[in-house]
């Protein structure tokens, strides 16, 4: 409820995007990479070479993903600012969280499709954009929820 009362500023936008980026690059994406490696290991059998390859994959994936996600976070700043300003009059925290999750997922899917078109395929595909849009949407939702909780705590302390 605090989001409708307090003005939406660029500082708020930076906080939200940074929090979402940290959750995406530091928790959601690495967890997805580890789960993917575990599923592949279970399906193909576990070996020492396979475990070392899986560990290398997770490390490389997390580093490369963090760089790409940082570019995505920079691209998301103006869209997040516009969405935050548009949602100022909305009191529902669920609407705020859902809207930022959809925005994060949509921007990630578009970004992945652009990367695919630029470097690999010459046609549209849905699997890889979907694979990055879900974690990005989750991270955006977590970031928004945590921002709302921090604002609510701050308003309770100031009363």
N, C-alpha and C. Protein backbone atom coordinates (compact mmCIF):
# COMPACT_ATOMS: atom_id res chain seq x y z
N UNK A 1 0.81 -1.19 0.00
CA UNK A 1 0.00 0.00 0.00
C UNK A 1 0.85 1.26 0.00
N UNK A 2 2.07 1.16 0.46
CA UNK A 2 2.94 2.31 0.54
C UNK A 2 3.30 2.82 -0.86
N UNK A 3 3.37 1.91 -1.85
CA UNK A 3 3.82 2.28 -3.19
C UNK A 3 2.93 3.35 -3.82
N UNK A 4 1.64 3.38 -3.47
CA UNK A 4 0.75 4.38 -4.06
C UNK A 4 0.92 5.74 -3.41
N UNK A 5 1.44 5.80 -2.19
CA UNK A 5 1.57 7.05 -1.46
C UNK A 5 2.90 7.73 -1.78
N UNK A 6 3.99 6.99 -1.73
CA UNK A 6 5.30 7.57 -1.96
C UNK A 6 5.55 7.76 -3.45
N UNK A 7 6.25 8.81 -3.82
CA UNK A 7 6.53 9.04 -5.24
C UNK A 7 7.53 8.01 -5.77
N UNK A 8 7.37 7.66 -7.03
CA UNK A 8 8.29 6.73 -7.67
C UNK A 8 9.42 7.55 -8.28
N UNK A 9 10.64 7.31 -7.81
CA UNK A 9 11.79 8.09 -8.26
C UNK A 9 12.78 7.19 -9.01
N UNK A 10 13.77 7.83 -9.60
CA UNK A 10 14.82 7.05 -10.26
C UNK A 10 15.60 6.24 -9.23
N UNK A 11 15.75 6.75 -8.02
CA UNK A 11 16.43 6.00 -6.97
C UNK A 11 15.68 4.71 -6.65
N UNK A 12 14.37 4.79 -6.63
CA UNK A 12 13.55 3.59 -6.42
C UNK A 12 13.74 2.61 -7.56
N UNK A 13 13.79 3.13 -8.78
CA UNK A 13 14.00 2.28 -9.95
C UNK A 13 15.35 1.57 -9.86
N UNK A 14 16.40 2.32 -9.53
CA UNK A 14 17.74 1.72 -9.42
C UNK A 14 17.76 0.63 -8.35
N UNK A 15 17.13 0.92 -7.20
CA UNK A 15 17.07 -0.07 -6.12
C UNK A 15 16.38 -1.35 -6.57
N UNK A 16 15.25 -1.19 -7.25
CA UNK A 16 14.48 -2.35 -7.71
C UNK A 16 15.27 -3.15 -8.73
N UNK A 17 15.84 -2.49 -9.72
CA UNK A 17 16.58 -3.20 -10.76
C UNK A 17 17.82 -3.87 -10.17
N UNK A 18 18.53 -3.20 -9.27
CA UNK A 18 19.71 -3.80 -8.65
C UNK A 18 19.34 -5.01 -7.80
N UNK A 19 18.29 -4.89 -7.02
CA UNK A 19 17.84 -6.03 -6.21
C UNK A 19 17.44 -7.20 -7.09
N UNK A 20 16.71 -6.92 -8.15
CA UNK A 20 16.29 -7.99 -9.07
C UNK A 20 17.50 -8.63 -9.74
N UNK A 21 18.48 -7.81 -10.15
CA UNK A 21 19.69 -8.33 -10.78
C UNK A 21 20.46 -9.24 -9.82
N UNK A 22 20.60 -8.81 -8.57
CA UNK A 22 21.32 -9.63 -7.59
C UNK A 22 20.62 -10.97 -7.39
N UNK A 23 19.31 -10.94 -7.29
CA UNK A 23 18.57 -12.20 -7.14
C UNK A 23 18.71 -13.07 -8.38
N UNK A 24 18.67 -12.47 -9.56
CA UNK A 24 18.78 -13.25 -10.79
C UNK A 24 20.16 -13.85 -10.94
N UNK A 25 21.20 -13.02 -10.85
CA UNK A 25 22.57 -13.49 -11.09
C UNK A 25 23.14 -14.28 -9.92
N UNK A 26 22.65 -14.00 -8.71
CA UNK A 26 23.22 -14.65 -7.55
C UNK A 26 22.46 -15.84 -7.01
N UNK A 27 21.21 -15.98 -7.37
CA UNK A 27 20.42 -17.07 -6.78
C UNK A 27 19.60 -17.84 -7.82
N UNK A 28 18.76 -17.15 -8.56
CA UNK A 28 17.81 -17.85 -9.43
C UNK A 28 18.51 -18.56 -10.58
N UNK A 29 19.38 -17.87 -11.31
CA UNK A 29 20.07 -18.49 -12.45
C UNK A 29 21.03 -19.60 -12.03
N UNK A 30 21.86 -19.40 -10.99
CA UNK A 30 22.72 -20.51 -10.57
C UNK A 30 21.93 -21.73 -10.10
N UNK A 31 20.83 -21.50 -9.42
CA UNK A 31 19.99 -22.62 -9.00
C UNK A 31 19.45 -23.38 -10.21
N UNK A 32 19.01 -22.64 -11.22
CA UNK A 32 18.53 -23.28 -12.45
C UNK A 32 19.62 -24.06 -13.14
N UNK A 33 20.84 -23.53 -13.17
CA UNK A 33 21.96 -24.24 -13.80
C UNK A 33 22.29 -25.52 -13.05
N UNK A 34 22.29 -25.46 -11.72
CA UNK A 34 22.58 -26.65 -10.92
C UNK A 34 21.49 -27.71 -11.12
N UNK A 35 20.24 -27.29 -11.11
CA UNK A 35 19.14 -28.25 -11.32
C UNK A 35 19.24 -28.90 -12.70
N UNK A 36 19.57 -28.10 -13.71
CA UNK A 36 19.74 -28.64 -15.05
C UNK A 36 20.86 -29.68 -15.08
N UNK A 37 21.98 -29.38 -14.45
CA UNK A 37 23.09 -30.34 -14.40
C UNK A 37 22.71 -31.62 -13.67
N UNK A 38 21.97 -31.50 -12.59
CA UNK A 38 21.54 -32.68 -11.83
C UNK A 38 20.62 -33.54 -12.68
N UNK A 39 19.67 -32.92 -13.38
CA UNK A 39 18.75 -33.68 -14.23
C UNK A 39 19.52 -34.39 -15.35
N UNK A 40 20.46 -33.69 -15.97
CA UNK A 40 21.26 -34.31 -17.04
C UNK A 40 22.09 -35.45 -16.48
N UNK A 41 22.67 -35.28 -15.29
CA UNK A 41 23.48 -36.33 -14.67
C UNK A 41 22.64 -37.55 -14.33
N UNK A 42 21.44 -37.33 -13.85
CA UNK A 42 20.57 -38.45 -13.51
C UNK A 42 20.16 -39.22 -14.76
N UNK A 43 19.87 -38.49 -15.83
CA UNK A 43 19.45 -39.14 -17.06
C UNK A 43 20.59 -39.86 -17.75
N UNK A 44 21.82 -39.34 -17.65
CA UNK A 44 22.94 -39.92 -18.38
C UNK A 44 23.91 -40.71 -17.53
N UNK A 45 23.66 -40.79 -16.26
CA UNK A 45 24.60 -41.47 -15.38
C UNK A 45 25.64 -40.49 -14.86
N UNK A 46 26.09 -40.73 -13.64
CA UNK A 46 27.03 -39.82 -13.00
C UNK A 46 28.44 -40.41 -13.09
N UNK A 47 29.39 -39.59 -13.52
CA UNK A 47 30.80 -39.98 -13.54
C UNK A 47 31.62 -38.81 -13.03
N UNK A 48 32.87 -39.07 -12.69
CA UNK A 48 33.74 -38.01 -12.19
C UNK A 48 33.99 -36.96 -13.26
N UNK A 49 34.22 -37.42 -14.49
CA UNK A 49 34.41 -36.47 -15.59
C UNK A 49 33.15 -35.65 -15.82
N UNK A 50 32.01 -36.31 -15.74
CA UNK A 50 30.74 -35.61 -15.92
C UNK A 50 30.49 -34.58 -14.83
N UNK A 51 30.86 -34.91 -13.61
CA UNK A 51 30.69 -33.97 -12.50
C UNK A 51 31.61 -32.75 -12.67
N UNK A 52 32.83 -32.99 -13.10
CA UNK A 52 33.76 -31.87 -13.33
C UNK A 52 33.26 -31.00 -14.47
N UNK A 53 32.76 -31.60 -15.52
CA UNK A 53 32.21 -30.84 -16.64
C UNK A 53 30.98 -30.04 -16.20
N UNK A 54 30.15 -30.65 -15.38
CA UNK A 54 28.96 -29.96 -14.89
C UNK A 54 29.34 -28.76 -14.03
N UNK A 55 30.34 -28.93 -13.17
CA UNK A 55 30.79 -27.83 -12.33
C UNK A 55 31.35 -26.69 -13.18
N UNK A 56 32.14 -27.03 -14.19
CA UNK A 56 32.68 -26.02 -15.09
C UNK A 56 31.55 -25.31 -15.84
N UNK A 57 30.54 -26.08 -16.28
CA UNK A 57 29.40 -25.49 -16.96
C UNK A 57 28.68 -24.49 -16.06
N UNK A 58 28.46 -24.85 -14.81
CA UNK A 58 27.75 -23.96 -13.88
C UNK A 58 28.54 -22.68 -13.68
N UNK A 59 29.84 -22.78 -13.48
CA UNK A 59 30.66 -21.59 -13.24
C UNK A 59 30.65 -20.69 -14.47
N UNK A 60 30.89 -21.26 -15.65
CA UNK A 60 30.91 -20.46 -16.89
C UNK A 60 29.52 -19.87 -17.15
N UNK A 61 28.48 -20.66 -16.95
CA UNK A 61 27.12 -20.18 -17.17
C UNK A 61 26.82 -18.99 -16.26
N UNK A 62 27.16 -19.10 -14.99
CA UNK A 62 26.86 -18.03 -14.04
C UNK A 62 27.61 -16.75 -14.40
N UNK A 63 28.87 -16.87 -14.78
CA UNK A 63 29.66 -15.68 -15.14
C UNK A 63 29.11 -15.03 -16.41
N UNK A 64 28.91 -15.82 -17.45
CA UNK A 64 28.39 -15.28 -18.71
C UNK A 64 26.99 -14.71 -18.51
N UNK A 65 26.16 -15.43 -17.78
CA UNK A 65 24.80 -14.97 -17.53
C UNK A 65 24.79 -13.67 -16.74
N UNK A 66 25.70 -13.53 -15.77
CA UNK A 66 25.75 -12.31 -14.98
C UNK A 66 26.09 -11.10 -15.85
N UNK A 67 27.00 -11.28 -16.80
CA UNK A 67 27.36 -10.17 -17.70
C UNK A 67 26.17 -9.80 -18.59
N UNK A 68 25.54 -10.81 -19.19
CA UNK A 68 24.39 -10.55 -20.05
C UNK A 68 23.24 -9.94 -19.25
N UNK A 69 23.03 -10.44 -18.04
CA UNK A 69 21.96 -9.91 -17.19
C UNK A 69 22.23 -8.47 -16.78
N UNK A 70 23.52 -8.09 -16.62
CA UNK A 70 23.85 -6.70 -16.27
C UNK A 70 23.45 -5.77 -17.41
N UNK A 71 23.69 -6.20 -18.64
CA UNK A 71 23.25 -5.41 -19.80
C UNK A 71 21.73 -5.33 -19.81
N UNK A 72 21.08 -6.45 -19.54
CA UNK A 72 19.62 -6.46 -19.48
C UNK A 72 19.07 -5.56 -18.39
N UNK A 73 19.76 -5.50 -17.26
CA UNK A 73 19.33 -4.61 -16.17
C UNK A 73 19.42 -3.15 -16.60
N UNK A 74 20.48 -2.82 -17.32
CA UNK A 74 20.62 -1.44 -17.81
C UNK A 74 19.51 -1.10 -18.80
N UNK A 75 19.18 -2.05 -19.66
CA UNK A 75 18.10 -1.83 -20.63
C UNK A 75 16.75 -1.71 -19.92
N UNK A 76 16.59 -2.42 -18.81
CA UNK A 76 15.32 -2.43 -18.09
C UNK A 76 15.04 -1.14 -17.31
N UNK A 77 16.06 -0.34 -17.05
CA UNK A 77 15.86 0.85 -16.22
C UNK A 77 14.74 1.77 -16.70
N UNK A 78 14.72 2.22 -17.96
CA UNK A 78 13.64 3.14 -18.34
C UNK A 78 12.26 2.48 -18.32
N UNK A 79 12.19 1.20 -18.67
CA UNK A 79 10.90 0.50 -18.65
C UNK A 79 10.40 0.33 -17.22
N UNK A 80 11.31 0.04 -16.31
CA UNK A 80 10.94 -0.09 -14.90
C UNK A 80 10.48 1.24 -14.34
N UNK A 81 11.15 2.31 -14.73
CA UNK A 81 10.75 3.65 -14.29
C UNK A 81 9.33 3.97 -14.77
N UNK A 82 9.07 3.69 -16.04
CA UNK A 82 7.73 3.97 -16.58
C UNK A 82 6.66 3.12 -15.90
N UNK A 83 6.96 1.85 -15.70
CA UNK A 83 5.98 0.98 -15.04
C UNK A 83 5.75 1.42 -13.60
N UNK A 84 6.80 1.75 -12.90
CA UNK A 84 6.66 2.21 -11.51
C UNK A 84 5.80 3.46 -11.42
N UNK A 85 6.02 4.39 -12.32
CA UNK A 85 5.21 5.62 -12.33
C UNK A 85 3.76 5.31 -12.70
N UNK A 86 3.55 4.37 -13.62
CA UNK A 86 2.19 4.02 -14.02
C UNK A 86 1.43 3.33 -12.89
N UNK A 87 2.14 2.62 -12.02
CA UNK A 87 1.49 1.88 -10.93
C UNK A 87 1.36 2.68 -9.64
N UNK A 88 1.70 3.96 -9.65
CA UNK A 88 1.65 4.76 -8.43
C UNK A 88 0.27 4.77 -7.78
N UNK A 89 -0.77 4.78 -8.57
CA UNK A 89 -2.12 4.88 -8.01
C UNK A 89 -2.72 3.53 -7.68
N UNK A 90 -2.00 2.47 -7.92
CA UNK A 90 -2.50 1.12 -7.64
C UNK A 90 -2.07 0.72 -6.24
N UNK A 91 -3.03 0.34 -5.41
CA UNK A 91 -2.73 -0.01 -4.02
C UNK A 91 -2.32 -1.47 -3.84
N UNK A 92 -2.67 -2.33 -4.76
CA UNK A 92 -2.44 -3.76 -4.60
C UNK A 92 -0.97 -4.11 -4.82
N UNK A 93 -0.37 -4.69 -3.78
CA UNK A 93 1.01 -5.14 -3.92
C UNK A 93 1.11 -6.30 -4.90
N UNK A 94 0.08 -7.12 -4.97
CA UNK A 94 0.09 -8.24 -5.92
C UNK A 94 0.16 -7.73 -7.36
N UNK A 95 -0.53 -6.65 -7.65
CA UNK A 95 -0.46 -6.06 -8.99
C UNK A 95 0.94 -5.54 -9.27
N UNK A 96 1.56 -4.89 -8.30
CA UNK A 96 2.92 -4.37 -8.47
C UNK A 96 3.90 -5.51 -8.75
N UNK A 97 3.83 -6.55 -7.92
CA UNK A 97 4.75 -7.68 -8.06
C UNK A 97 4.52 -8.38 -9.40
N UNK A 98 3.27 -8.63 -9.74
CA UNK A 98 2.95 -9.31 -11.00
C UNK A 98 3.38 -8.50 -12.22
N UNK A 99 3.12 -7.21 -12.18
CA UNK A 99 3.47 -6.36 -13.32
C UNK A 99 4.98 -6.32 -13.53
N UNK A 100 5.75 -6.22 -12.46
CA UNK A 100 7.20 -6.21 -12.61
C UNK A 100 7.73 -7.57 -13.03
N UNK A 101 7.08 -8.65 -12.59
CA UNK A 101 7.48 -9.98 -13.05
C UNK A 101 7.25 -10.13 -14.55
N UNK A 102 6.10 -9.68 -15.02
CA UNK A 102 5.80 -9.75 -16.46
C UNK A 102 6.77 -8.88 -17.25
N UNK A 103 7.06 -7.69 -16.74
CA UNK A 103 8.01 -6.81 -17.43
C UNK A 103 9.39 -7.46 -17.51
N UNK A 104 9.88 -7.98 -16.39
CA UNK A 104 11.20 -8.62 -16.38
C UNK A 104 11.26 -9.82 -17.31
N UNK A 105 10.24 -10.65 -17.28
CA UNK A 105 10.21 -11.83 -18.16
C UNK A 105 10.11 -11.46 -19.63
N UNK A 106 9.31 -10.46 -19.92
CA UNK A 106 9.15 -10.03 -21.31
C UNK A 106 10.44 -9.43 -21.85
N UNK A 107 11.08 -8.56 -21.09
CA UNK A 107 12.34 -7.97 -21.54
C UNK A 107 13.42 -9.04 -21.71
N UNK A 108 13.46 -10.02 -20.82
CA UNK A 108 14.44 -11.10 -20.96
C UNK A 108 14.18 -11.93 -22.21
N UNK A 109 12.93 -12.23 -22.48
CA UNK A 109 12.59 -13.02 -23.67
C UNK A 109 12.95 -12.27 -24.95
N UNK A 110 12.65 -10.98 -24.98
CA UNK A 110 12.98 -10.17 -26.16
C UNK A 110 14.50 -10.09 -26.32
N UNK A 111 15.20 -9.87 -25.23
CA UNK A 111 16.66 -9.81 -25.28
C UNK A 111 17.29 -11.09 -25.76
N UNK A 112 16.78 -12.22 -25.29
CA UNK A 112 17.31 -13.52 -25.74
C UNK A 112 17.03 -13.74 -27.22
N UNK A 113 15.84 -13.36 -27.66
CA UNK A 113 15.52 -13.53 -29.08
C UNK A 113 16.43 -12.66 -29.95
N UNK A 114 16.71 -11.45 -29.50
CA UNK A 114 17.63 -10.57 -30.23
C UNK A 114 19.01 -11.19 -30.30
N UNK A 115 19.51 -11.74 -29.17
CA UNK A 115 20.80 -12.41 -29.18
C UNK A 115 20.82 -13.59 -30.14
N UNK A 116 19.75 -14.37 -30.13
CA UNK A 116 19.68 -15.52 -31.04
C UNK A 116 19.68 -15.08 -32.50
N UNK A 117 18.91 -14.06 -32.80
CA UNK A 117 18.86 -13.58 -34.18
C UNK A 117 20.19 -12.97 -34.61
N UNK A 118 20.88 -12.32 -33.68
CA UNK A 118 22.14 -11.66 -34.03
C UNK A 118 23.30 -12.64 -34.17
N UNK A 119 23.33 -13.68 -33.35
CA UNK A 119 24.52 -14.53 -33.32
C UNK A 119 24.31 -15.96 -33.78
N UNK A 120 23.09 -16.41 -33.90
CA UNK A 120 22.93 -17.82 -34.17
C UNK A 120 21.91 -18.11 -35.25
N UNK A 121 20.67 -18.02 -34.92
CA UNK A 121 19.60 -18.42 -35.83
C UNK A 121 19.13 -17.24 -36.66
N UNK A 122 18.51 -17.56 -37.76
CA UNK A 122 17.90 -16.51 -38.55
C UNK A 122 16.37 -16.63 -38.52
N UNK A 123 15.86 -17.31 -37.52
CA UNK A 123 14.41 -17.45 -37.37
C UNK A 123 14.03 -17.33 -35.89
N UNK A 124 12.76 -17.10 -35.67
CA UNK A 124 12.26 -16.96 -34.30
C UNK A 124 12.12 -18.32 -33.65
N UNK A 125 12.40 -18.39 -32.36
CA UNK A 125 12.24 -19.61 -31.59
C UNK A 125 11.62 -19.25 -30.25
N UNK A 126 11.07 -20.18 -29.55
CA UNK A 126 10.43 -19.86 -28.28
C UNK A 126 11.09 -20.53 -27.08
N UNK A 127 11.89 -21.59 -27.28
CA UNK A 127 12.41 -22.35 -26.15
C UNK A 127 13.40 -21.55 -25.30
N UNK A 128 14.41 -20.96 -25.93
CA UNK A 128 15.41 -20.23 -25.16
C UNK A 128 14.86 -18.94 -24.55
N UNK A 129 14.07 -18.16 -25.29
CA UNK A 129 13.47 -16.99 -24.63
C UNK A 129 12.61 -17.37 -23.43
N UNK A 130 11.88 -18.47 -23.54
CA UNK A 130 11.09 -18.93 -22.40
C UNK A 130 11.99 -19.35 -21.24
N UNK A 131 13.11 -19.98 -21.57
CA UNK A 131 14.03 -20.46 -20.53
C UNK A 131 14.65 -19.31 -19.73
N UNK A 132 14.81 -18.14 -20.34
CA UNK A 132 15.37 -17.01 -19.58
C UNK A 132 14.28 -16.10 -19.01
N UNK A 133 13.10 -16.12 -19.63
CA UNK A 133 12.05 -15.22 -19.14
C UNK A 133 11.50 -15.66 -17.79
N UNK A 134 11.45 -16.95 -17.55
CA UNK A 134 10.92 -17.43 -16.27
C UNK A 134 11.82 -17.02 -15.10
N UNK A 135 13.14 -17.30 -15.15
CA UNK A 135 13.98 -16.84 -14.04
C UNK A 135 14.01 -15.32 -13.90
N UNK A 136 14.00 -14.61 -15.01
CA UNK A 136 14.02 -13.14 -14.94
C UNK A 136 12.73 -12.62 -14.31
N UNK A 137 11.60 -13.22 -14.66
CA UNK A 137 10.34 -12.82 -14.04
C UNK A 137 10.30 -13.13 -12.56
N UNK A 138 10.84 -14.28 -12.19
CA UNK A 138 10.90 -14.64 -10.76
C UNK A 138 11.77 -13.65 -10.00
N UNK A 139 12.93 -13.32 -10.56
CA UNK A 139 13.84 -12.38 -9.89
C UNK A 139 13.21 -10.99 -9.79
N UNK A 140 12.50 -10.55 -10.83
CA UNK A 140 11.84 -9.25 -10.78
C UNK A 140 10.74 -9.24 -9.71
N UNK A 141 10.01 -10.35 -9.61
CA UNK A 141 8.97 -10.44 -8.59
C UNK A 141 9.57 -10.41 -7.18
N UNK A 142 10.67 -11.13 -6.99
CA UNK A 142 11.34 -11.13 -5.68
C UNK A 142 11.85 -9.73 -5.36
N UNK A 143 12.47 -9.09 -6.34
CA UNK A 143 12.98 -7.74 -6.12
C UNK A 143 11.89 -6.77 -5.75
N UNK A 144 10.77 -6.84 -6.46
CA UNK A 144 9.65 -5.92 -6.17
C UNK A 144 9.07 -6.19 -4.79
N UNK A 145 8.90 -7.45 -4.46
CA UNK A 145 8.34 -7.82 -3.16
C UNK A 145 9.24 -7.32 -2.02
N UNK A 146 10.55 -7.50 -2.19
CA UNK A 146 11.48 -7.05 -1.15
C UNK A 146 11.50 -5.53 -1.05
N UNK A 147 11.37 -4.84 -2.16
CA UNK A 147 11.29 -3.38 -2.13
C UNK A 147 10.04 -2.92 -1.39
N UNK A 148 8.91 -3.56 -1.66
CA UNK A 148 7.67 -3.23 -0.95
C UNK A 148 7.81 -3.47 0.55
N UNK A 149 8.44 -4.60 0.92
CA UNK A 149 8.62 -4.89 2.34
C UNK A 149 9.50 -3.85 3.01
N UNK A 150 10.57 -3.42 2.34
CA UNK A 150 11.46 -2.41 2.91
C UNK A 150 10.73 -1.07 3.07
N UNK A 151 9.92 -0.70 2.09
CA UNK A 151 9.15 0.55 2.19
C UNK A 151 8.14 0.47 3.32
N UNK A 152 7.51 -0.68 3.46
CA UNK A 152 6.52 -0.85 4.53
C UNK A 152 7.17 -0.76 5.90
N UNK A 153 8.34 -1.40 6.06
CA UNK A 153 9.07 -1.32 7.33
C UNK A 153 9.49 0.11 7.63
N UNK A 154 9.97 0.82 6.60
CA UNK A 154 10.40 2.20 6.79
C UNK A 154 9.22 3.09 7.20
N UNK A 155 8.05 2.87 6.59
CA UNK A 155 6.89 3.69 6.94
C UNK A 155 6.39 3.36 8.35
N UNK A 156 6.49 2.11 8.77
CA UNK A 156 6.09 1.75 10.13
C UNK A 156 7.03 2.36 11.16
N UNK A 157 8.31 2.41 10.83
CA UNK A 157 9.28 3.00 11.78
C UNK A 157 9.12 4.51 11.88
N UNK A 158 8.68 5.15 10.82
CA UNK A 158 8.55 6.60 10.84
C UNK A 158 7.26 7.06 11.53
N UNK A 159 6.33 6.16 11.75
CA UNK A 159 5.06 6.53 12.41
C UNK A 159 5.17 6.63 13.89
